[in-house]
Amino acid sequence: MARKQSTRKYSKKAAAKVGRAMKKRKAGTLKSGRSGRKVKSRKQAIAIGLSEARAAGAKVPKKAAKKTAKKRKAKN
């Protein structure tokens, strides 16, 4: 059987940006954008890496819609 060839969700460039952000977090030099505070969270480091990749024009899926908006619609 022939296997269906899947397309990458994230480009190699995006993976490299996330990897760089993770290394900076481990070293303690990754800072958040607006406040300039040190980033401690793994999830936040990944988000920063993906954001930088988007800005650089790498292939990255769109941001997910916030859950609070969905909850409000369900209530109404």
N, C-alpha and C. Protein backbone atom coordinates (compact mmCIF):
# COMPACT_ATOMS: atom_id res chain seq x y z
N MET A 1 0.83 -1.19 0.00
CA MET A 1 0.00 0.00 0.00
C MET A 1 0.87 1.25 0.00
N ALA A 2 0.43 2.23 -0.74
CA ALA A 2 1.16 3.49 -0.78
C ALA A 2 0.68 4.38 0.38
N ARG A 3 1.63 4.93 1.08
CA ARG A 3 1.29 5.80 2.21
C ARG A 3 1.07 7.23 1.72
N LYS A 4 0.04 7.87 2.24
CA LYS A 4 -0.24 9.25 1.85
C LYS A 4 0.86 10.15 2.42
N GLN A 5 1.42 10.98 1.56
CA GLN A 5 2.49 11.88 2.01
C GLN A 5 1.85 13.09 2.68
N SER A 6 2.18 13.30 3.94
CA SER A 6 1.58 14.41 4.67
C SER A 6 2.43 15.67 4.51
N THR A 7 1.77 16.80 4.57
CA THR A 7 2.49 18.07 4.50
C THR A 7 2.82 18.50 5.91
N ARG A 8 3.93 19.19 6.04
CA ARG A 8 4.36 19.65 7.36
C ARG A 8 3.46 20.77 7.86
N LYS A 9 3.10 20.71 9.14
CA LYS A 9 2.32 21.79 9.73
C LYS A 9 3.22 22.99 10.00
N TYR A 10 4.42 22.71 10.50
CA TYR A 10 5.38 23.74 10.84
C TYR A 10 6.62 23.56 9.96
N SER A 11 7.16 24.66 9.46
CA SER A 11 8.35 24.58 8.62
C SER A 11 9.60 24.31 9.48
N LYS A 12 10.70 23.98 8.82
CA LYS A 12 11.96 23.75 9.54
C LYS A 12 12.44 25.04 10.18
N LYS A 13 12.18 26.16 9.51
CA LYS A 13 12.56 27.47 10.04
C LYS A 13 11.82 27.75 11.36
N ALA A 14 10.54 27.37 11.40
CA ALA A 14 9.75 27.57 12.62
C ALA A 14 10.30 26.71 13.75
N ALA A 15 10.66 25.47 13.42
CA ALA A 15 11.22 24.57 14.44
C ALA A 15 12.54 25.11 14.98
N ALA A 16 13.33 25.72 14.11
CA ALA A 16 14.62 26.29 14.52
C ALA A 16 14.40 27.48 15.45
N LYS A 17 13.40 28.30 15.15
CA LYS A 17 13.10 29.48 15.99
C LYS A 17 12.64 29.04 17.38
N VAL A 18 11.80 28.00 17.42
CA VAL A 18 11.32 27.49 18.71
C VAL A 18 12.49 26.89 19.49
N GLY A 19 13.35 26.16 18.80
CA GLY A 19 14.53 25.58 19.45
C GLY A 19 15.44 26.64 20.04
N ARG A 20 15.61 27.74 19.32
CA ARG A 20 16.45 28.84 19.80
C ARG A 20 15.82 29.47 21.04
N ALA A 21 14.50 29.66 21.01
CA ALA A 21 13.80 30.25 22.16
C ALA A 21 13.92 29.34 23.38
N MET A 22 13.84 28.03 23.18
CA MET A 22 13.95 27.08 24.30
C MET A 22 15.35 27.13 24.91
N LYS A 23 16.37 27.23 24.05
CA LYS A 23 17.75 27.31 24.57
C LYS A 23 17.96 28.59 25.37
N LYS A 24 17.40 29.69 24.87
CA LYS A 24 17.53 30.96 25.59
C LYS A 24 16.81 30.90 26.93
N ARG A 25 15.65 30.21 26.97
CA ARG A 25 14.91 30.06 28.23
C ARG A 25 15.74 29.28 29.24
N LYS A 26 16.35 28.20 28.76
CA LYS A 26 17.17 27.37 29.66
C LYS A 26 18.35 28.16 30.21
N ALA A 27 18.91 29.03 29.35
CA ALA A 27 20.05 29.85 29.77
C ALA A 27 19.62 31.01 30.66
N GLY A 28 18.30 31.30 30.65
CA GLY A 28 17.77 32.38 31.48
C GLY A 28 17.87 33.74 30.83
N THR A 29 18.01 33.78 29.50
CA THR A 29 18.14 35.06 28.81
C THR A 29 16.94 35.41 27.94
N LEU A 30 15.92 34.54 27.91
CA LEU A 30 14.73 34.82 27.10
C LEU A 30 13.82 35.77 27.87
N LYS A 31 13.45 36.87 27.22
CA LYS A 31 12.60 37.86 27.88
C LYS A 31 11.31 38.05 27.09
N SER A 32 10.24 38.35 27.81
CA SER A 32 8.96 38.57 27.16
C SER A 32 8.96 39.94 26.50
N GLY A 33 8.07 40.12 25.54
CA GLY A 33 8.07 41.32 24.72
C GLY A 33 7.79 42.61 25.45
N ARG A 34 6.61 42.76 25.98
CA ARG A 34 6.19 44.06 26.50
C ARG A 34 6.86 44.43 27.81
N SER A 35 6.83 43.52 28.77
CA SER A 35 7.35 43.84 30.10
C SER A 35 8.85 43.65 30.21
N GLY A 36 9.42 42.78 29.38
CA GLY A 36 10.86 42.53 29.44
C GLY A 36 11.26 41.61 30.57
N ARG A 37 10.27 40.91 31.17
CA ARG A 37 10.57 39.97 32.26
C ARG A 37 11.14 38.68 31.71
N LYS A 38 11.88 37.98 32.56
CA LYS A 38 12.42 36.67 32.16
C LYS A 38 11.28 35.67 31.99
N VAL A 39 11.40 34.85 30.96
CA VAL A 39 10.39 33.82 30.70
C VAL A 39 10.80 32.55 31.42
N LYS A 40 9.89 31.99 32.23
CA LYS A 40 10.18 30.76 32.96
C LYS A 40 9.39 29.58 32.40
N SER A 41 8.25 29.88 31.81
CA SER A 41 7.35 28.84 31.33
C SER A 41 7.80 28.26 29.99
N ARG A 42 7.72 26.94 29.88
CA ARG A 42 8.06 26.24 28.63
C ARG A 42 7.08 26.63 27.53
N LYS A 43 5.80 26.68 27.89
CA LYS A 43 4.76 27.02 26.91
C LYS A 43 4.95 28.44 26.37
N GLN A 44 5.33 29.35 27.24
CA GLN A 44 5.53 30.73 26.82
C GLN A 44 6.73 30.84 25.89
N ALA A 45 7.77 30.05 26.16
CA ALA A 45 8.95 30.05 25.29
C ALA A 45 8.59 29.55 23.90
N ILE A 46 7.76 28.51 23.82
CA ILE A 46 7.31 27.97 22.53
C ILE A 46 6.49 29.02 21.80
N ALA A 47 5.61 29.71 22.51
CA ALA A 47 4.77 30.75 21.91
C ALA A 47 5.62 31.88 21.34
N ILE A 48 6.66 32.26 22.05
CA ILE A 48 7.55 33.32 21.58
C ILE A 48 8.28 32.87 20.32
N GLY A 49 8.76 31.63 20.31
CA GLY A 49 9.45 31.09 19.13
C GLY A 49 8.54 31.05 17.92
N LEU A 50 7.29 30.62 18.10
CA LEU A 50 6.33 30.56 16.99
C LEU A 50 5.97 31.96 16.49
N SER A 51 5.87 32.90 17.42
CA SER A 51 5.55 34.27 17.06
C SER A 51 6.67 34.87 16.21
N GLU A 52 7.92 34.61 16.60
CA GLU A 52 9.07 35.09 15.83
C GLU A 52 9.10 34.44 14.45
N ALA A 53 8.74 33.16 14.39
CA ALA A 53 8.71 32.45 13.11
C ALA A 53 7.65 33.04 12.19
N ARG A 54 6.47 33.37 12.76
CA ARG A 54 5.41 34.00 11.96
C ARG A 54 5.89 35.34 11.40
N ALA A 55 6.56 36.11 12.24
CA ALA A 55 7.05 37.43 11.81
C ALA A 55 8.10 37.30 10.71
N ALA A 56 8.87 36.19 10.75
CA ALA A 56 9.91 35.96 9.74
C ALA A 56 9.33 35.36 8.46
N GLY A 57 8.04 35.02 8.48
CA GLY A 57 7.39 34.49 7.28
C GLY A 57 7.45 32.98 7.15
N ALA A 58 7.74 32.27 8.24
CA ALA A 58 7.82 30.81 8.20
C ALA A 58 6.40 30.23 8.18
N LYS A 59 6.30 28.97 7.76
CA LYS A 59 5.00 28.30 7.71
C LYS A 59 4.61 27.84 9.11
N VAL A 60 3.63 28.53 9.67
CA VAL A 60 3.12 28.23 11.01
C VAL A 60 1.61 28.37 10.95
N PRO A 61 0.84 27.42 11.52
CA PRO A 61 -0.61 27.55 11.52
C PRO A 61 -1.06 28.82 12.26
N LYS A 62 -2.25 29.29 11.94
CA LYS A 62 -2.79 30.49 12.59
C LYS A 62 -3.02 30.22 14.06
N LYS A 63 -3.03 31.30 14.84
CA LYS A 63 -3.30 31.18 16.27
C LYS A 63 -4.71 30.66 16.47
N ALA A 64 -4.90 29.86 17.51
CA ALA A 64 -6.23 29.33 17.84
C ALA A 64 -7.06 30.44 18.46
N ALA A 65 -8.35 30.39 18.24
CA ALA A 65 -9.25 31.38 18.84
C ALA A 65 -9.29 31.17 20.35
N LYS A 66 -9.44 32.24 21.07
CA LYS A 66 -9.49 32.14 22.53
C LYS A 66 -10.75 31.41 22.97
N LYS A 67 -10.65 30.64 24.03
CA LYS A 67 -11.77 29.83 24.51
C LYS A 67 -12.87 30.66 25.14
N THR A 68 -12.53 31.82 25.72
CA THR A 68 -13.53 32.63 26.41
C THR A 68 -14.59 33.13 25.43
N ALA A 69 -14.20 33.44 24.20
CA ALA A 69 -15.16 33.91 23.21
C ALA A 69 -16.15 32.80 22.87
N LYS A 70 -15.67 31.57 22.80
CA LYS A 70 -16.55 30.43 22.51
C LYS A 70 -17.55 30.22 23.63
N LYS A 71 -17.10 30.38 24.87
CA LYS A 71 -17.96 30.19 26.03
C LYS A 71 -19.08 31.24 26.04
N ARG A 72 -18.73 32.46 25.70
CA ARG A 72 -19.73 33.54 25.69
C ARG A 72 -20.80 33.25 24.65
N LYS A 73 -20.40 32.77 23.49
CA LYS A 73 -21.35 32.46 22.43
C LYS A 73 -22.28 31.32 22.86
N ALA A 74 -21.75 30.36 23.58
CA ALA A 74 -22.54 29.21 24.04
C ALA A 74 -23.59 29.65 25.07
N LYS A 75 -23.25 30.61 25.91
CA LYS A 75 -24.18 31.10 26.92
C LYS A 75 -25.35 31.84 26.30
N ASN A 76 -25.09 32.61 25.26
CA ASN A 76 -26.15 33.44 24.63
C ASN A 76 -27.08 32.64 23.81
